[in-house]
Amino acid sequence: MQREHASELFNIVIDTSSNVQVDGLNIQSAATSPNTDGIHVEQSTGVTITNTYIKTGDDCISIGQGTQNLWIEKVTCGPGHGISNGSLGKSANEAGVQNVTVKNVAFSGTTNGLRIKSWERSSNSFAKQIVFDGATMDNVKNPIIIDPHYCPHNEGCPTENSGVKISNVVYKNIKGTSATQVAVDFSCSASAPCQGISMTNVELTYQGQPVKSSCEHAFGSATGTMVPSSCLQSSGSSNRRLMAFVSNN
């Protein structure tokens, strides 16, 4: 069954729940409407979101604190801000996110694709055991991004390094087009470097120009086809910023 739903704020919120199934929804908000997340999940476990189309002015799906065992599959997003783990770490003792699978999703004209975002302040929060397996990007500004500098509207932003620990994140079978030259951006925190990032078979292009990846404090490995080339560092490497370039030709 398909349902159409529009909202002036969050469209659907799943909070403090377990074993919820969401299937076959059609969620639409204006591309210019703020805070209209399509589906927001937090403090919940065993949620499944499948076969859903989301057009919105904010995150198509946002994954908040305390989320565990979340399965997202066959979701189409755009316009919107992508599928986001976070924002995390707004408070010092915030619960983390773990065991999230995002599979066979598509993004069109979004500002982000697969995103992990955290506040720039001290926190005991975390994001771990995240799997992104199968994604198609169509003119997406930030197809793959880890952003530890989240601060909406750049107002009253904290100035600390993010304390959110990001680890064991898998990206595989991701292809399509980027709307910017930096298609992969892992700007991880100096206080909590990203650990255990794994990339396999990523193929992204940008308007016939060389496409880039950018890494800071990001550790992991890459195998298979990698366009752009991986900038991930192996354990024990220095924490300098690295940028990799590869031509689309």
C-alpha atoms as a PDB file:
ATOM      1  CA  MET A   1       0.000   0.000   0.000  1.00  0.00           C
ATOM      2  CA  GLN A   2       1.253   3.496  -0.842  1.00  0.00           C
ATOM      3  CA  ARG A   3       0.420   6.570   1.147  1.00  0.00           C
ATOM      4  CA  GLU A   4       1.196  10.202   0.383  1.00  0.00           C
ATOM      5  CA  HIS A   5       2.090  12.407   3.299  1.00  0.00           C
ATOM      6  CA  ALA A   6       3.267  16.030   3.546  1.00  0.00           C
ATOM      7  CA  SER A   7       4.336  17.971   6.605  1.00  0.00           C
ATOM      8  CA  GLU A   8       5.639  21.357   7.696  1.00  0.00           C
ATOM      9  CA  LEU A   9       8.185  19.698  10.041  1.00  0.00           C
ATOM     10  CA  PHE A  10       9.330  16.076  10.452  1.00  0.00           C
ATOM     11  CA  ASN A  11       7.036  13.880   8.384  1.00  0.00           C
ATOM     12  CA  ILE A  12       7.351  10.645  10.385  1.00  0.00           C
ATOM     13  CA  VAL A  13       9.096  10.126  13.736  1.00  0.00           C
ATOM     14  CA  ILE A  14       9.835   6.670  15.169  1.00  0.00           C
ATOM     15  CA  ASP A  15      10.929   7.193  18.777  1.00  0.00           C
ATOM     16  CA  THR A  16      11.374   4.721  21.651  1.00  0.00           C
ATOM     17  CA  SER A  17       9.957   1.884  19.585  1.00  0.00           C
ATOM     18  CA  SER A  18      10.862  -1.647  18.527  1.00  0.00           C
ATOM     19  CA  ASN A  19      10.145  -3.901  15.557  1.00  0.00           C
ATOM     20  CA  VAL A  20       8.511  -1.235  13.398  1.00  0.00           C
ATOM     21  CA  GLN A  21       8.049  -1.900   9.675  1.00  0.00           C
ATOM     22  CA  VAL A  22       7.678   0.963   7.190  1.00  0.00           C
ATOM     23  CA  ASP A  23       6.970  -0.091   3.600  1.00  0.00           C
ATOM     24  CA  GLY A  24       5.701   1.500   0.417  1.00  0.00           C
ATOM     25  CA  LEU A  25       5.355   5.115   1.511  1.00  0.00           C
ATOM     26  CA  ASN A  26       5.468   8.190  -0.734  1.00  0.00           C
ATOM     27  CA  ILE A  27       6.574  11.190   1.380  1.00  0.00           C
ATOM     28  CA  GLN A  28       6.734  14.660  -0.149  1.00  0.00           C
ATOM     29  CA  SER A  29       7.654  18.090   1.209  1.00  0.00           C
ATOM     30  CA  ALA A  30       8.905  21.141  -0.676  1.00  0.00           C
ATOM     31  CA  ALA A  31      12.631  21.143  -1.450  1.00  0.00           C
ATOM     32  CA  THR A  32      12.919  24.536   0.275  1.00  0.00           C
ATOM     33  CA  SER A  33      11.110  23.504   3.476  1.00  0.00           C
ATOM     34  CA  PRO A  34      13.435  23.318   6.527  1.00  0.00           C
ATOM     35  CA  ASN A  35      13.399  20.512   9.120  1.00  0.00           C
ATOM     36  CA  THR A  36      11.096  18.342   7.055  1.00  0.00           C
ATOM     37  CA  ASP A  37      12.977  15.079   7.548  1.00  0.00           C
ATOM     38  CA  GLY A  38      11.121  12.340   5.740  1.00  0.00           C
ATOM     39  CA  ILE A  39      11.576   9.689   8.441  1.00  0.00           C
ATOM     40  CA  HIS A  40      13.425  10.247  11.717  1.00  0.00           C
ATOM     41  CA  VAL A  41      14.395   7.274  13.908  1.00  0.00           C
ATOM     42  CA  GLU A  42      15.835   7.489  17.423  1.00  0.00           C
ATOM     43  CA  GLN A  43      15.975   5.472  20.635  1.00  0.00           C
ATOM     44  CA  SER A  44      14.535   2.532  18.679  1.00  0.00           C
ATOM     45  CA  THR A  45      15.572  -0.980  17.661  1.00  0.00           C
ATOM     46  CA  GLY A  46      14.526  -3.383  14.942  1.00  0.00           C
ATOM     47  CA  VAL A  47      13.102  -0.749  12.560  1.00  0.00           C
ATOM     48  CA  THR A  48      12.821  -1.660   8.852  1.00  0.00           C
ATOM     49  CA  ILE A  49      12.230   0.931   6.105  1.00  0.00           C
ATOM     50  CA  THR A  50      11.703  -0.413   2.572  1.00  0.00           C
ATOM     51  CA  ASN A  51      10.289   0.480  -0.859  1.00  0.00           C
ATOM     52  CA  THR A  52       9.795   4.131   0.007  1.00  0.00           C
ATOM     53  CA  TYR A  53      10.069   7.356  -2.025  1.00  0.00           C
ATOM     54  CA  ILE A  54      11.038  10.535  -0.191  1.00  0.00           C
ATOM     55  CA  LYS A  55      11.188  14.115  -1.502  1.00  0.00           C
ATOM     56  CA  THR A  56      11.909  16.702   1.169  1.00  0.00           C
ATOM     57  CA  GLY A  57      13.757  19.841   2.236  1.00  0.00           C
ATOM     58  CA  ASP A  58      15.918  18.060   4.822  1.00  0.00           C
ATOM     59  CA  ASP A  59      17.200  14.541   5.460  1.00  0.00           C
ATOM     60  CA  CYS A  60      15.241  11.877   3.637  1.00  0.00           C
ATOM     61  CA  ILE A  61      16.014   9.603   6.581  1.00  0.00           C
ATOM     62  CA  SER A  62      17.752  10.809   9.758  1.00  0.00           C
ATOM     63  CA  ILE A  63      19.123   8.330  12.274  1.00  0.00           C
ATOM     64  CA  GLY A  64      19.293   9.763  15.772  1.00  0.00           C
ATOM     65  CA  GLN A  65      20.756   8.752  19.090  1.00  0.00           C
ATOM     66  CA  GLY A  66      20.036   5.341  20.536  1.00  0.00           C
ATOM     67  CA  THR A  67      19.154   3.692  17.222  1.00  0.00           C
ATOM     68  CA  GLN A  68      20.105   0.011  16.867  1.00  0.00           C
ATOM     69  CA  ASN A  69      19.468  -2.735  14.325  1.00  0.00           C
ATOM     70  CA  LEU A  70      18.022  -0.489  11.614  1.00  0.00           C
ATOM     71  CA  TRP A  71      17.493  -1.841   8.085  1.00  0.00           C
ATOM     72  CA  ILE A  72      16.909   0.526   5.145  1.00  0.00           C
ATOM     73  CA  GLU A  73      16.426  -0.943   1.652  1.00  0.00           C
ATOM     74  CA  LYS A  74      15.098   0.225  -1.720  1.00  0.00           C
ATOM     75  CA  VAL A  75      14.604   3.848  -0.721  1.00  0.00           C
ATOM     76  CA  THR A  76      14.663   6.609  -3.343  1.00  0.00           C
ATOM     77  CA  CYS A  77      15.683  10.066  -2.063  1.00  0.00           C
ATOM     78  CA  GLY A  78      15.564  13.404  -3.816  1.00  0.00           C
ATOM     79  CA  PRO A  79      15.383  16.241  -3.434  1.00  0.00           C
ATOM     80  CA  GLY A  80      16.658  16.305   0.139  1.00  0.00           C
ATOM     81  CA  HIS A  81      19.764  16.057   2.292  1.00  0.00           C
ATOM     82  CA  GLY A  82      20.319  12.330   1.870  1.00  0.00           C
ATOM     83  CA  ILE A  83      20.369   9.524   4.425  1.00  0.00           C
ATOM     84  CA  SER A  84      22.116  10.744   7.568  1.00  0.00           C
ATOM     85  CA  ASN A  85      23.434   9.029  10.655  1.00  0.00           C
ATOM     86  CA  GLY A  86      23.039  11.983  12.999  1.00  0.00           C
ATOM     87  CA  SER A  87      23.391  14.589  13.897  1.00  0.00           C
ATOM     88  CA  LEU A  88      25.105  12.925  16.855  1.00  0.00           C
ATOM     89  CA  GLY A  89      26.917  14.239  19.908  1.00  0.00           C
ATOM     90  CA  LYS A  90      24.901  17.348  20.667  1.00  0.00           C
ATOM     91  CA  SER A  91      25.070  16.429  24.355  1.00  0.00           C
ATOM     92  CA  ALA A  92      28.011  14.943  26.256  1.00  0.00           C
ATOM     93  CA  ASN A  93      26.337  11.668  27.280  1.00  0.00           C
ATOM     94  CA  GLU A  94      24.198  11.015  24.233  1.00  0.00           C
ATOM     95  CA  ALA A  95      23.522   7.394  23.220  1.00  0.00           C
ATOM     96  CA  GLY A  96      25.188   6.128  20.063  1.00  0.00           C
ATOM     97  CA  VAL A  97      24.041   4.459  16.848  1.00  0.00           C
ATOM     98  CA  GLN A  98      24.972   0.893  15.883  1.00  0.00           C
ATOM     99  CA  ASN A  99      24.124  -1.939  13.511  1.00  0.00           C
ATOM    100  CA  VAL A 100      22.646   0.096  10.656  1.00  0.00           C
ATOM    101  CA  THR A 101      22.339  -1.317   7.122  1.00  0.00           C
ATOM    102  CA  VAL A 102      21.490   0.868   4.121  1.00  0.00           C
ATOM    103  CA  LYS A 103      21.058  -1.262   0.994  1.00  0.00           C
ATOM    104  CA  ASN A 104      20.153  -0.605  -2.653  1.00  0.00           C
ATOM    105  CA  VAL A 105      19.183   3.047  -2.349  1.00  0.00           C
ATOM    106  CA  ALA A 106      19.102   5.859  -4.923  1.00  0.00           C
ATOM    107  CA  PHE A 107      19.727   9.601  -4.647  1.00  0.00           C
ATOM    108  CA  SER A 108      18.849  12.270  -7.211  1.00  0.00           C
ATOM    109  CA  GLY A 109      19.818  15.936  -6.910  1.00  0.00           C
ATOM    110  CA  THR A 110      20.407  15.737  -3.153  1.00  0.00           C
ATOM    111  CA  THR A 111      22.904  17.763  -1.133  1.00  0.00           C
ATOM    112  CA  ASN A 112      24.278  14.557   0.415  1.00  0.00           C
ATOM    113  CA  GLY A 113      24.094  10.867  -0.283  1.00  0.00           C
ATOM    114  CA  LEU A 114      25.434   8.663   2.513  1.00  0.00           C
ATOM    115  CA  ARG A 115      26.276  10.901   5.466  1.00  0.00           C
ATOM    116  CA  ILE A 116      27.462  10.620   9.073  1.00  0.00           C
ATOM    117  CA  LYS A 117      27.285  13.962  10.879  1.00  0.00           C
ATOM    118  CA  SER A 118      28.184  15.038  14.404  1.00  0.00           C
ATOM    119  CA  TRP A 119      28.364  18.192  16.454  1.00  0.00           C
ATOM    120  CA  GLU A 120      31.713  19.882  17.017  1.00  0.00           C
ATOM    121  CA  ARG A 121      31.823  19.316  20.762  1.00  0.00           C
ATOM    122  CA  SER A 122      32.898  16.748  23.357  1.00  0.00           C
ATOM    123  CA  SER A 123      30.656  13.697  23.588  1.00  0.00           C
ATOM    124  CA  ASN A 124      30.650  10.020  24.532  1.00  0.00           C
ATOM    125  CA  SER A 125      28.418   9.164  21.573  1.00  0.00           C
ATOM    126  CA  PHE A 126      29.386   6.845  18.724  1.00  0.00           C
ATOM    127  CA  ALA A 127      28.425   5.458  15.325  1.00  0.00           C
ATOM    128  CA  LYS A 128      29.612   1.922  14.642  1.00  0.00           C
ATOM    129  CA  GLN A 129      28.858  -1.139  12.556  1.00  0.00           C
ATOM    130  CA  ILE A 130      27.314   0.861   9.722  1.00  0.00           C
ATOM    131  CA  VAL A 131      26.964  -0.783   6.287  1.00  0.00           C
ATOM    132  CA  PHE A 132      26.204   1.116   3.069  1.00  0.00           C
ATOM    133  CA  ASP A 133      25.802  -1.566   0.383  1.00  0.00           C
ATOM    134  CA  GLY A 134      24.508  -0.572  -3.020  1.00  0.00           C
ATOM    135  CA  ALA A 135      23.797   3.093  -3.813  1.00  0.00           C
ATOM    136  CA  THR A 136      23.242   5.032  -7.032  1.00  0.00           C
ATOM    137  CA  MET A 137      24.042   8.763  -7.113  1.00  0.00           C
ATOM    138  CA  ASP A 138      22.613  11.166  -9.702  1.00  0.00           C
ATOM    139  CA  ASN A 139      24.104  14.675  -9.450  1.00  0.00           C
ATOM    140  CA  VAL A 140      24.647  14.511  -5.674  1.00  0.00           C
ATOM    141  CA  LYS A 141      26.772  17.260  -4.076  1.00  0.00           C
ATOM    142  CA  ASN A 142      28.372  15.072  -1.389  1.00  0.00           C
ATOM    143  CA  PRO A 143      27.875  11.436  -2.363  1.00  0.00           C
ATOM    144  CA  ILE A 144      29.911  10.028   0.547  1.00  0.00           C
ATOM    145  CA  ILE A 145      30.635  12.259   3.540  1.00  0.00           C
ATOM    146  CA  ILE A 146      31.602  12.127   7.202  1.00  0.00           C
ATOM    147  CA  ASP A 147      31.094  15.585   8.714  1.00  0.00           C
ATOM    148  CA  PRO A 148      32.142  16.192  12.345  1.00  0.00           C
ATOM    149  CA  HIS A 149      31.516  19.940  12.057  1.00  0.00           C
ATOM    150  CA  TYR A 150      27.725  19.970  11.975  1.00  0.00           C
ATOM    151  CA  CYS A 151      26.149  23.277  12.987  1.00  0.00           C
ATOM    152  CA  PRO A 152      22.948  24.299  11.196  1.00  0.00           C
ATOM    153  CA  HIS A 153      22.853  27.887   9.899  1.00  0.00           C
ATOM    154  CA  ASN A 154      26.359  28.432  11.408  1.00  0.00           C
ATOM    155  CA  GLU A 155      24.797  30.051  14.467  1.00  0.00           C
ATOM    156  CA  GLY A 156      26.195  29.558  17.983  1.00  0.00           C
ATOM    157  CA  CYS A 157      28.509  26.831  16.779  1.00  0.00           C
ATOM    158  CA  PRO A 158      30.730  25.073  19.337  1.00  0.00           C
ATOM    159  CA  THR A 159      34.460  25.218  18.649  1.00  0.00           C
ATOM    160  CA  GLU A 160      35.641  21.903  20.118  1.00  0.00           C
ATOM    161  CA  ASN A 161      36.566  18.798  18.170  1.00  0.00           C
ATOM    162  CA  SER A 162      33.763  16.266  17.880  1.00  0.00           C
ATOM    163  CA  GLY A 163      34.028  13.468  20.423  1.00  0.00           C
ATOM    164  CA  VAL A 164      31.738  11.081  18.527  1.00  0.00           C
ATOM    165  CA  LYS A 165      33.637   7.856  17.802  1.00  0.00           C
ATOM    166  CA  ILE A 166      33.021   6.555  14.278  1.00  0.00           C
ATOM    167  CA  SER A 167      34.175   3.005  13.566  1.00  0.00           C
ATOM    168  CA  ASN A 168      33.562  -0.073  11.435  1.00  0.00           C
ATOM    169  CA  VAL A 169      31.821   1.647   8.535  1.00  0.00           C
ATOM    170  CA  VAL A 170      31.496  -0.205   5.209  1.00  0.00           C
ATOM    171  CA  TYR A 171      30.917   1.422   1.812  1.00  0.00           C
ATOM    172  CA  LYS A 172      30.518  -0.925  -1.147  1.00  0.00           C
ATOM    173  CA  ASN A 173      28.970  -1.026  -4.605  1.00  0.00           C
ATOM    174  CA  ILE A 174      28.396   2.716  -4.906  1.00  0.00           C
ATOM    175  CA  LYS A 175      28.248   4.389  -8.320  1.00  0.00           C
ATOM    176  CA  GLY A 176      26.968   7.444 -10.154  1.00  0.00           C
ATOM    177  CA  THR A 177      27.614  11.156 -10.575  1.00  0.00           C
ATOM    178  CA  SER A 178      28.753  13.827  -8.156  1.00  0.00           C
ATOM    179  CA  ALA A 179      27.726  17.482  -8.462  1.00  0.00           C
ATOM    180  CA  THR A 180      31.068  18.546  -6.938  1.00  0.00           C
ATOM    181  CA  GLN A 181      34.658  17.539  -7.572  1.00  0.00           C
ATOM    182  CA  VAL A 182      35.188  16.094  -4.072  1.00  0.00           C
ATOM    183  CA  ALA A 183      33.001  13.000  -4.229  1.00  0.00           C
ATOM    184  CA  VAL A 184      34.308  11.328  -1.061  1.00  0.00           C
ATOM    185  CA  ASP A 185      34.925  13.480   2.037  1.00  0.00           C
ATOM    186  CA  PHE A 186      36.084  11.933   5.302  1.00  0.00           C
ATOM    187  CA  SER A 187      36.849  15.005   7.437  1.00  0.00           C
ATOM    188  CA  CYS A 188      37.070  13.066  10.679  1.00  0.00           C
ATOM    189  CA  SER A 189      37.718  14.577  14.095  1.00  0.00           C
ATOM    190  CA  ALA A 190      41.242  14.977  15.474  1.00  0.00           C
ATOM    191  CA  SER A 191      39.925  13.998  18.918  1.00  0.00           C
ATOM    192  CA  ALA A 192      38.118  10.893  17.652  1.00  0.00           C
ATOM    193  CA  PRO A 193      39.618   9.716  14.349  1.00  0.00           C
ATOM    194  CA  CYS A 194      37.498   7.441  12.165  1.00  0.00           C
ATOM    195  CA  GLN A 195      38.636   3.832  12.500  1.00  0.00           C
ATOM    196  CA  GLY A 196      37.959   0.730  10.450  1.00  0.00           C
ATOM    197  CA  ILE A 197      36.481   2.337   7.328  1.00  0.00           C
ATOM    198  CA  SER A 198      36.188  -0.184   4.492  1.00  0.00           C
ATOM    199  CA  MET A 199      35.544   0.725   0.847  1.00  0.00           C
ATOM    200  CA  THR A 200      34.906  -1.699  -2.023  1.00  0.00           C
ATOM    201  CA  ASN A 201      33.902  -0.946  -5.614  1.00  0.00           C
ATOM    202  CA  VAL A 202      33.148   2.766  -5.585  1.00  0.00           C
ATOM    203  CA  GLU A 203      32.797   4.460  -9.000  1.00  0.00           C
ATOM    204  CA  LEU A 204      31.843   8.149  -9.020  1.00  0.00           C
ATOM    205  CA  THR A 205      32.304  10.716 -11.782  1.00  0.00           C
ATOM    206  CA  TYR A 206      32.089  14.511 -12.081  1.00  0.00           C
ATOM    207  CA  GLN A 207      31.315  16.305 -15.364  1.00  0.00           C
ATOM    208  CA  GLY A 208      34.232  14.740 -17.209  1.00  0.00           C
ATOM    209  CA  GLN A 209      36.768  16.259 -14.801  1.00  0.00           C
ATOM    210  CA  PRO A 210      39.084  14.525 -12.321  1.00  0.00           C
ATOM    211  CA  VAL A 211      37.129  13.463  -9.269  1.00  0.00           C
ATOM    212  CA  LYS A 212      38.699  13.663  -5.802  1.00  0.00           C
ATOM    213  CA  SER A 213      38.563  12.136  -2.356  1.00  0.00           C
ATOM    214  CA  SER A 214      39.615  13.999   0.776  1.00  0.00           C
ATOM    215  CA  CYS A 215      40.572  12.487   4.130  1.00  0.00           C
ATOM    216  CA  GLU A 216      41.563  13.818   7.514  1.00  0.00           C
ATOM    217  CA  HIS A 217      42.064  11.546  10.551  1.00  0.00           C
ATOM    218  CA  ALA A 218      40.457   8.704   8.556  1.00  0.00           C
ATOM    219  CA  PHE A 219      41.834   5.166   8.839  1.00  0.00           C
ATOM    220  CA  GLY A 220      40.840   2.076   6.911  1.00  0.00           C
ATOM    221  CA  SER A 221      41.284   0.179   3.662  1.00  0.00           C
ATOM    222  CA  ALA A 222      39.980   0.016   0.102  1.00  0.00           C
ATOM    223  CA  THR A 223      39.686  -2.829  -2.424  1.00  0.00           C
ATOM    224  CA  GLY A 224      38.289  -3.340  -5.908  1.00  0.00           C
ATOM    225  CA  THR A 225      37.519  -0.467  -8.257  1.00  0.00           C
ATOM    226  CA  MET A 226      38.020   2.901  -6.559  1.00  0.00           C
ATOM    227  CA  VAL A 227      37.088   6.122  -8.383  1.00  0.00           C
ATOM    228  CA  PRO A 228      38.160   8.432  -6.874  1.00  0.00           C
ATOM    229  CA  SER A 229      41.266   6.751  -5.511  1.00  0.00           C
ATOM    230  CA  SER A 230      41.163   6.083  -1.789  1.00  0.00           C
ATOM    231  CA  CYS A 231      42.816   8.540   0.584  1.00  0.00           C
ATOM    232  CA  LEU A 232      42.280   6.385   3.677  1.00  0.00           C
ATOM    233  CA  GLN A 233      45.323   5.911   5.890  1.00  0.00           C
ATOM    234  CA  SER A 234      46.481   2.656   7.397  1.00  0.00           C
ATOM    235  CA  SER A 235      46.723   2.351  11.176  1.00  0.00           C
ATOM    236  CA  GLY A 236      49.732   4.156  12.572  1.00  0.00           C
ATOM    237  CA  SER A 237      49.938   6.702   9.752  1.00  0.00           C
ATOM    238  CA  SER A 238      50.161  10.381  10.530  1.00  0.00           C
ATOM    239  CA  ASN A 239      46.930  12.361  10.807  1.00  0.00           C
ATOM    240  CA  ARG A 240      47.684  14.814   8.015  1.00  0.00           C
ATOM    241  CA  ARG A 241      45.007  15.704   5.483  1.00  0.00           C
ATOM    242  CA  LEU A 242      45.268  13.621   2.323  1.00  0.00           C
ATOM    243  CA  MET A 243      43.605  14.204  -1.018  1.00  0.00           C
ATOM    244  CA  ALA A 244      43.532  11.730  -3.888  1.00  0.00           C
ATOM    245  CA  PHE A 245      42.873  12.592  -7.525  1.00  0.00           C
ATOM    246  CA  VAL A 246      41.810  10.372 -10.392  1.00  0.00           C
ATOM    247  CA  SER A 247      40.768  11.243 -13.929  1.00  0.00           C
ATOM    248  CA  ASN A 248      37.449  10.094 -15.308  1.00  0.00           C
ATOM    249  CA  ASN A 249      39.033   9.452 -18.700  1.00  0.00           C
END
